[in-house]
PDB file of N, CA and C in Angstrom:
ATOM      1  N   MET A   1     119.309 -20.754  94.410  1.00  0.00           N
ATOM      2  CA  MET A   1     120.118 -19.598  94.379  1.00  0.00           C
ATOM      3  C   MET A   1     119.599 -18.661  93.250  1.00  0.00           C
ATOM      4  N   ILE A   2     119.513 -17.376  93.521  1.00  0.00           N
ATOM      5  CA  ILE A   2     119.048 -16.430  92.543  1.00  0.00           C
ATOM      6  C   ILE A   2     120.247 -15.827  91.764  1.00  0.00           C
ATOM      7  N   ALA A   3     120.173 -15.937  90.415  1.00  0.00           N
ATOM      8  CA  ALA A   3     121.247 -15.338  89.641  1.00  0.00           C
ATOM      9  C   ALA A   3     121.155 -13.815  89.736  1.00  0.00           C
ATOM     10  N   ASP A   4     122.292 -13.134  89.491  1.00  0.00           N
ATOM     11  CA  ASP A   4     122.345 -11.704  89.547  1.00  0.00           C
ATOM     12  C   ASP A   4     121.279 -11.040  88.668  1.00  0.00           C
ATOM     13  N   ASN A   5     121.103 -11.535  87.463  1.00  0.00           N
ATOM     14  CA  ASN A   5     120.176 -11.002  86.543  1.00  0.00           C
ATOM     15  C   ASN A   5     118.749 -11.163  87.050  1.00  0.00           C
ATOM     16  N   ASP A   6     118.456 -12.320  87.611  1.00  0.00           N
ATOM     17  CA  ASP A   6     117.130 -12.591  88.208  1.00  0.00           C
ATOM     18  C   ASP A   6     116.848 -11.623  89.355  1.00  0.00           C
ATOM     19  N   PHE A   7     117.885 -11.422  90.195  1.00  0.00           N
ATOM     20  CA  PHE A   7     117.696 -10.484  91.294  1.00  0.00           C
ATOM     21  C   PHE A   7     117.439  -9.101  90.800  1.00  0.00           C
ATOM     22  N   SER A   8     118.192  -8.631  89.783  1.00  0.00           N
ATOM     23  CA  SER A   8     117.950  -7.292  89.212  1.00  0.00           C
ATOM     24  C   SER A   8     116.530  -7.151  88.712  1.00  0.00           C
ATOM     25  N   GLU A   9     116.077  -8.189  88.004  1.00  0.00           N
ATOM     26  CA  GLU A   9     114.720  -8.151  87.469  1.00  0.00           C
ATOM     27  C   GLU A   9     113.657  -8.054  88.575  1.00  0.00           C
ATOM     28  N   GLN A  10     113.880  -8.879  89.584  1.00  0.00           N
ATOM     29  CA  GLN A  10     112.943  -8.895  90.717  1.00  0.00           C
ATOM     30  C   GLN A  10     113.005  -7.570  91.484  1.00  0.00           C
ATOM     31  N   ALA A  11     114.152  -7.049  91.655  1.00  0.00           N
ATOM     32  CA  ALA A  11     114.266  -5.712  92.329  1.00  0.00           C
ATOM     33  C   ALA A  11     113.565  -4.632  91.567  1.00  0.00           C
ATOM     34  N   LEU A  12     113.754  -4.618  90.274  1.00  0.00           N
ATOM     35  CA  LEU A  12     113.115  -3.563  89.409  1.00  0.00           C
ATOM     36  C   LEU A  12     111.624  -3.773  89.410  1.00  0.00           C
ATOM     37  N   GLU A  13     111.168  -4.995  89.393  1.00  0.00           N
ATOM     38  CA  GLU A  13     109.722  -5.264  89.423  1.00  0.00           C
ATOM     39  C   GLU A  13     109.131  -4.813  90.741  1.00  0.00           C
ATOM     40  N   SER A  14     109.870  -5.037  91.808  1.00  0.00           N
ATOM     41  CA  SER A  14     109.409  -4.597  93.123  1.00  0.00           C
ATOM     42  C   SER A  14     109.251  -3.095  93.184  1.00  0.00           C
ATOM     43  N   LEU A  15     110.269  -2.399  92.647  1.00  0.00           N
ATOM     44  CA  LEU A  15     110.214  -0.917  92.621  1.00  0.00           C
ATOM     45  C   LEU A  15     109.069  -0.427  91.807  1.00  0.00           C
ATOM     46  N   ARG A  16     108.811  -1.058  90.640  1.00  0.00           N
ATOM     47  CA  ARG A  16     107.737  -0.649  89.756  1.00  0.00           C
ATOM     48  C   ARG A  16     106.360  -0.842  90.420  1.00  0.00           C
ATOM     49  N   LEU A  17     106.201  -2.065  91.046  1.00  0.00           N
ATOM     50  CA  LEU A  17     104.938  -2.356  91.685  1.00  0.00           C
ATOM     51  C   LEU A  17     104.677  -1.403  92.882  1.00  0.00           C
ATOM     52  N   ARG A  18     105.668  -1.103  93.672  1.00  0.00           N
ATOM     53  CA  ARG A  18     105.544  -0.169  94.769  1.00  0.00           C
ATOM     54  C   ARG A  18     105.126   1.232  94.288  1.00  0.00           C
ATOM     55  N   ALA A  19     105.726   1.687  93.177  1.00  0.00           N
ATOM     56  CA  ALA A  19     105.362   2.970  92.639  1.00  0.00           C
ATOM     57  C   ALA A  19     103.931   2.950  92.095  1.00  0.00           C
ATOM     58  N   GLU A  20     103.543   1.869  91.472  1.00  0.00           N
ATOM     59  CA  GLU A  20     102.174   1.794  90.997  1.00  0.00           C
ATOM     60  C   GLU A  20     101.204   1.742  92.177  1.00  0.00           C
ATOM     61  N   MET A  21     101.500   1.044  93.251  1.00  0.00           N
ATOM     62  CA  MET A  21     100.636   1.018  94.405  1.00  0.00           C
ATOM     63  C   MET A  21     100.515   2.396  95.007  1.00  0.00           C
ATOM     64  N   ASP A  22     101.645   3.108  95.149  1.00  0.00           N
ATOM     65  CA  ASP A  22     101.607   4.458  95.697  1.00  0.00           C
ATOM     66  C   ASP A  22     100.748   5.396  94.813  1.00  0.00           C
ATOM     67  N   ARG A  23     100.830   5.239  93.513  1.00  0.00           N
ATOM     68  CA  ARG A  23     100.053   6.043  92.595  1.00  0.00           C
ATOM     69  C   ARG A  23      98.555   5.747  92.797  1.00  0.00           C
ATOM     70  N   SER A  24      98.254   4.444  92.893  1.00  0.00           N
ATOM     71  CA  SER A  24      96.871   4.087  93.098  1.00  0.00           C
ATOM     72  C   SER A  24      96.267   4.637  94.398  1.00  0.00           C
ATOM     73  N   GLU A  25      97.054   4.526  95.452  1.00  0.00           N
ATOM     74  CA  GLU A  25      96.646   5.057  96.768  1.00  0.00           C
ATOM     75  C   GLU A  25      96.414   6.523  96.706  1.00  0.00           C
ATOM     76  N   ALA A  26      97.323   7.269  96.068  1.00  0.00           N
ATOM     77  CA  ALA A  26      97.171   8.689  95.957  1.00  0.00           C
ATOM     78  C   ALA A  26      95.950   9.097  95.151  1.00  0.00           C
ATOM     79  N   LEU A  27      95.705   8.427  93.999  1.00  0.00           N
ATOM     80  CA  LEU A  27      94.534   8.712  93.214  1.00  0.00           C
ATOM     81  C   LEU A  27      93.243   8.421  93.944  1.00  0.00           C
ATOM     82  N   THR A  28      93.248   7.306  94.723  1.00  0.00           N
ATOM     83  CA  THR A  28      92.076   6.989  95.543  1.00  0.00           C
ATOM     84  C   THR A  28      91.846   8.028  96.572  1.00  0.00           C
ATOM     85  N   SER A  29      92.860   8.477  97.239  1.00  0.00           N
ATOM     86  CA  SER A  29      92.758   9.526  98.290  1.00  0.00           C
ATOM     87  C   SER A  29      92.193  10.832  97.696  1.00  0.00           C
ATOM     88  N   LEU A  30      92.745  11.201  96.532  1.00  0.00           N
ATOM     89  CA  LEU A  30      92.282  12.438  95.873  1.00  0.00           C
ATOM     90  C   LEU A  30      90.824  12.368  95.505  1.00  0.00           C
ATOM     91  N   LYS A  31      90.444  11.202  94.947  1.00  0.00           N
ATOM     92  CA  LYS A  31      89.079  10.975  94.542  1.00  0.00           C
ATOM     93  C   LYS A  31      88.094  11.118  95.730  1.00  0.00           C
ATOM     94  N   ILE A  32      88.470  10.430  96.814  1.00  0.00           N
ATOM     95  CA  ILE A  32      87.638  10.495  98.017  1.00  0.00           C
ATOM     96  C   ILE A  32      87.545  11.906  98.517  1.00  0.00           C
ATOM     97  N   LEU A  33      88.693  12.561  98.673  1.00  0.00           N
ATOM     98  CA  LEU A  33      88.681  13.951  99.191  1.00  0.00           C
ATOM     99  C   LEU A  33      87.901  14.901  98.292  1.00  0.00           C
ATOM    100  N   LEU A  34      87.996  14.734  96.948  1.00  0.00           N
ATOM    101  CA  LEU A  34      87.381  15.686  96.052  1.00  0.00           C
ATOM    102  C   LEU A  34      85.893  15.344  95.811  1.00  0.00           C
ATOM    103  N   ASP A  35      85.616  14.037  95.673  1.00  0.00           N
ATOM    104  CA  ASP A  35      84.249  13.622  95.302  1.00  0.00           C
ATOM    105  C   ASP A  35      83.321  13.321  96.448  1.00  0.00           C
ATOM    106  N   HIS A  36      83.924  13.044  97.588  1.00  0.00           N
ATOM    107  CA  HIS A  36      83.034  12.639  98.729  1.00  0.00           C
ATOM    108  C   HIS A  36      83.483  13.414  99.968  1.00  0.00           C
ATOM    109  N   PRO A  37      83.131  14.711 100.011  1.00  0.00           N
ATOM    110  CA  PRO A  37      83.560  15.553 101.117  1.00  0.00           C
ATOM    111  C   PRO A  37      83.051  15.051 102.485  1.00  0.00           C
ATOM    112  N   ALA A  38      82.011  14.277 102.511  1.00  0.00           N
ATOM    113  CA  ALA A  38      81.527  13.746 103.814  1.00  0.00           C
ATOM    114  C   ALA A  38      82.558  12.774 104.390  1.00  0.00           C
ATOM    115  N   GLY A  39      83.400  12.223 103.512  1.00  0.00           N
ATOM    116  CA  GLY A  39      84.453  11.273 103.985  1.00  0.00           C
ATOM    117  C   GLY A  39      85.551  11.911 104.795  1.00  0.00           C
ATOM    118  N   ILE A  40      85.602  13.255 104.855  1.00  0.00           N
ATOM    119  CA  ILE A  40      86.648  13.926 105.586  1.00  0.00           C
ATOM    120  C   ILE A  40      86.224  14.165 107.029  1.00  0.00           C
ATOM    121  N   GLY A  41      84.974  13.908 107.349  1.00  0.00           N
ATOM    122  CA  GLY A  41      84.506  13.992 108.723  1.00  0.00           C
ATOM    123  C   GLY A  41      84.656  15.361 109.359  1.00  0.00           C
ATOM    124  N   ASP A  42      85.278  15.400 110.525  1.00  0.00           N
ATOM    125  CA  ASP A  42      85.445  16.642 111.269  1.00  0.00           C
ATOM    126  C   ASP A  42      86.702  17.417 110.924  1.00  0.00           C
ATOM    127  N   HIS A  43      87.340  17.108 109.815  1.00  0.00           N
ATOM    128  CA  HIS A  43      88.564  17.813 109.510  1.00  0.00           C
ATOM    129  C   HIS A  43      88.270  19.265 109.133  1.00  0.00           C
ATOM    130  N   SER A  44      89.229  20.083 109.471  1.00  0.00           N
ATOM    131  CA  SER A  44      89.121  21.493 109.150  1.00  0.00           C
ATOM    132  C   SER A  44      89.481  21.686 107.666  1.00  0.00           C
ATOM    133  N   THR A  45      89.251  22.897 107.132  1.00  0.00           N
ATOM    134  CA  THR A  45      89.628  23.192 105.811  1.00  0.00           C
ATOM    135  C   THR A  45      91.127  23.063 105.625  1.00  0.00           C
ATOM    136  N   ASN A  46      91.854  23.446 106.632  1.00  0.00           N
ATOM    137  CA  ASN A  46      93.335  23.358 106.604  1.00  0.00           C
ATOM    138  C   ASN A  46      93.716  21.875 106.496  1.00  0.00           C
ATOM    139  N   ASP A  47      93.105  21.009 107.241  1.00  0.00           N
ATOM    140  CA  ASP A  47      93.376  19.599 107.191  1.00  0.00           C
ATOM    141  C   ASP A  47      93.117  19.055 105.795  1.00  0.00           C
ATOM    142  N   LEU A  48      91.987  19.509 105.193  1.00  0.00           N
ATOM    143  CA  LEU A  48      91.608  19.008 103.866  1.00  0.00           C
ATOM    144  C   LEU A  48      92.712  19.435 102.859  1.00  0.00           C
ATOM    145  N   HIS A  49      93.101  20.673 102.909  1.00  0.00           N
ATOM    146  CA  HIS A  49      94.135  21.144 101.980  1.00  0.00           C
ATOM    147  C   HIS A  49      95.463  20.439 102.183  1.00  0.00           C
ATOM    148  N   ASN A  50      95.780  20.149 103.425  1.00  0.00           N
ATOM    149  CA  ASN A  50      97.080  19.411 103.739  1.00  0.00           C
ATOM    150  C   ASN A  50      96.946  17.967 103.112  1.00  0.00           C
ATOM    151  N   ASN A  51      95.782  17.381 103.310  1.00  0.00           N
ATOM    152  CA  ASN A  51      95.597  16.003 102.831  1.00  0.00           C
ATOM    153  C   ASN A  51      95.618  15.965 101.269  1.00  0.00           C
ATOM    154  N   LEU A  52      95.045  16.941 100.638  1.00  0.00           N
ATOM    155  CA  LEU A  52      95.067  17.097  99.199  1.00  0.00           C
ATOM    156  C   LEU A  52      96.494  17.261  98.704  1.00  0.00           C
ATOM    157  N   ASN A  53      97.262  18.153  99.327  1.00  0.00           N
ATOM    158  CA  ASN A  53      98.648  18.361  98.959  1.00  0.00           C
ATOM    159  C   ASN A  53      99.521  17.123  99.167  1.00  0.00           C
ATOM    160  N   GLU A  54      99.268  16.440 100.259  1.00  0.00           N
ATOM    161  CA  GLU A  54     100.061  15.169 100.516  1.00  0.00           C
ATOM    162  C   GLU A  54      99.740  14.145  99.465  1.00  0.00           C
ATOM    163  N   SER A  55      98.476  14.024  99.102  1.00  0.00           N
ATOM    164  CA  SER A  55      98.132  13.028  98.039  1.00  0.00           C
ATOM    165  C   SER A  55      98.690  13.411  96.683  1.00  0.00           C
ATOM    166  N   LEU A  56      98.644  14.693  96.369  1.00  0.00           N
ATOM    167  CA  LEU A  56      99.190  15.182  95.138  1.00  0.00           C
ATOM    168  C   LEU A  56     100.719  14.896  95.069  1.00  0.00           C
ATOM    169  N   SER A  57     101.423  15.184  96.160  1.00  0.00           N
ATOM    170  CA  SER A  57     102.870  14.937  96.245  1.00  0.00           C
ATOM    171  C   SER A  57     103.144  13.463  96.099  1.00  0.00           C
ATOM    172  N   LYS A  58     102.380  12.615  96.713  1.00  0.00           N
ATOM    173  CA  LYS A  58     102.572  11.158  96.601  1.00  0.00           C
ATOM    174  C   LYS A  58     102.358  10.734  95.166  1.00  0.00           C
ATOM    175  N   LEU A  59     101.328  11.269  94.495  1.00  0.00           N
ATOM    176  CA  LEU A  59     101.038  10.885  93.092  1.00  0.00           C
ATOM    177  C   LEU A  59     102.163  11.379  92.215  1.00  0.00           C
ATOM    178  N   SER A  60     102.647  12.558  92.373  1.00  0.00           N
ATOM    179  CA  SER A  60     103.754  13.106  91.595  1.00  0.00           C
ATOM    180  C   SER A  60     104.979  12.273  91.800  1.00  0.00           C
ATOM    181  N   ASP A  61     105.290  11.946  93.018  1.00  0.00           N
ATOM    182  CA  ASP A  61     106.477  11.154  93.308  1.00  0.00           C
ATOM    183  C   ASP A  61     106.395   9.794  92.643  1.00  0.00           C
ATOM    184  N   ALA A  62     105.232   9.164  92.749  1.00  0.00           N
ATOM    185  CA  ALA A  62     105.092   7.809  92.131  1.00  0.00           C
ATOM    186  C   ALA A  62     105.225   7.887  90.634  1.00  0.00           C
ATOM    187  N   ASP A  63     104.611   8.845  90.013  1.00  0.00           N
ATOM    188  CA  ASP A  63     104.746   9.088  88.555  1.00  0.00           C
ATOM    189  C   ASP A  63     106.204   9.322  88.152  1.00  0.00           C
ATOM    190  N   ASP A  64     106.918  10.129  88.944  1.00  0.00           N
ATOM    191  CA  ASP A  64     108.352  10.394  88.676  1.00  0.00           C
ATOM    192  C   ASP A  64     109.176   9.109  88.777  1.00  0.00           C
ATOM    193  N   ARG A  65     108.851   8.339  89.781  1.00  0.00           N
ATOM    194  CA  ARG A  65     109.597   7.014  89.942  1.00  0.00           C
ATOM    195  C   ARG A  65     109.319   6.080  88.779  1.00  0.00           C
ATOM    196  N   LEU A  66     108.062   5.993  88.372  1.00  0.00           N
ATOM    197  CA  LEU A  66     107.769   5.164  87.231  1.00  0.00           C
ATOM    198  C   LEU A  66     108.434   5.638  85.924  1.00  0.00           C
ATOM    199  N   GLU A  67     108.411   6.897  85.728  1.00  0.00           N
ATOM    200  CA  GLU A  67     109.064   7.497  84.566  1.00  0.00           C
ATOM    201  C   GLU A  67     110.589   7.217  84.589  1.00  0.00           C
ATOM    202  N   THR A  68     111.184   7.349  85.737  1.00  0.00           N
ATOM    203  CA  THR A  68     112.643   7.125  85.878  1.00  0.00           C
ATOM    204  C   THR A  68     112.982   5.691  85.600  1.00  0.00           C
ATOM    205  N   LEU A  69     112.160   4.762  86.169  1.00  0.00           N
ATOM    206  CA  LEU A  69     112.406   3.316  85.892  1.00  0.00           C
ATOM    207  C   LEU A  69     112.293   3.037  84.410  1.00  0.00           C
ATOM    208  N   SER A  70     111.282   3.611  83.803  1.00  0.00           N
ATOM    209  CA  SER A  70     111.057   3.379  82.356  1.00  0.00           C
ATOM    210  C   SER A  70     112.264   3.935  81.549  1.00  0.00           C
ATOM    211  N   LYS A  71     112.670   5.135  81.915  1.00  0.00           N
ATOM    212  CA  LYS A  71     113.764   5.799  81.131  1.00  0.00           C
ATOM    213  C   LYS A  71     115.062   5.114  81.281  1.00  0.00           C
ATOM    214  N   TYR A  72     115.413   4.664  82.496  1.00  0.00           N
ATOM    215  CA  TYR A  72     116.781   4.103  82.684  1.00  0.00           C
ATOM    216  C   TYR A  72     116.826   2.564  82.655  1.00  0.00           C
ATOM    217  N   PHE A  73     115.761   1.910  82.877  1.00  0.00           N
ATOM    218  CA  PHE A  73     115.814   0.449  83.025  1.00  0.00           C
ATOM    219  C   PHE A  73     114.987  -0.327  82.041  1.00  0.00           C
ATOM    220  N   TYR A  74     113.892   0.260  81.531  1.00  0.00           N
ATOM    221  CA  TYR A  74     113.012  -0.472  80.649  1.00  0.00           C
ATOM    222  C   TYR A  74     113.110   0.002  79.226  1.00  0.00           C
ATOM    223  N   ASN A  75     113.853   1.096  79.004  1.00  0.00           N
ATOM    224  CA  ASN A  75     114.032   1.683  77.642  1.00  0.00           C
ATOM    225  C   ASN A  75     112.738   1.822  76.939  1.00  0.00           C
ATOM    226  N   ALA A  76     111.725   2.253  77.584  1.00  0.00           N
ATOM    227  CA  ALA A  76     110.438   2.429  76.902  1.00  0.00           C
ATOM    228  C   ALA A  76     110.309   3.837  76.268  1.00  0.00           C
TER     229      ALA A  76
END
């Protein structure tokens, strides 16, 4: 049986890891799109800009989530 405190710690760790994974995915996408334009294949300029904006939004969201966890739960 998991104690309430153990569950809370596990839940917070899961949230932190997910945010870090989302940040890593977004940074990877941005790097590919910016540094390796051949990787975008037959996408139009509009598709490229949409993909860049989506990756930037995902990065910003992940950073916000990590900051919020730190501020309210990790007292860092």
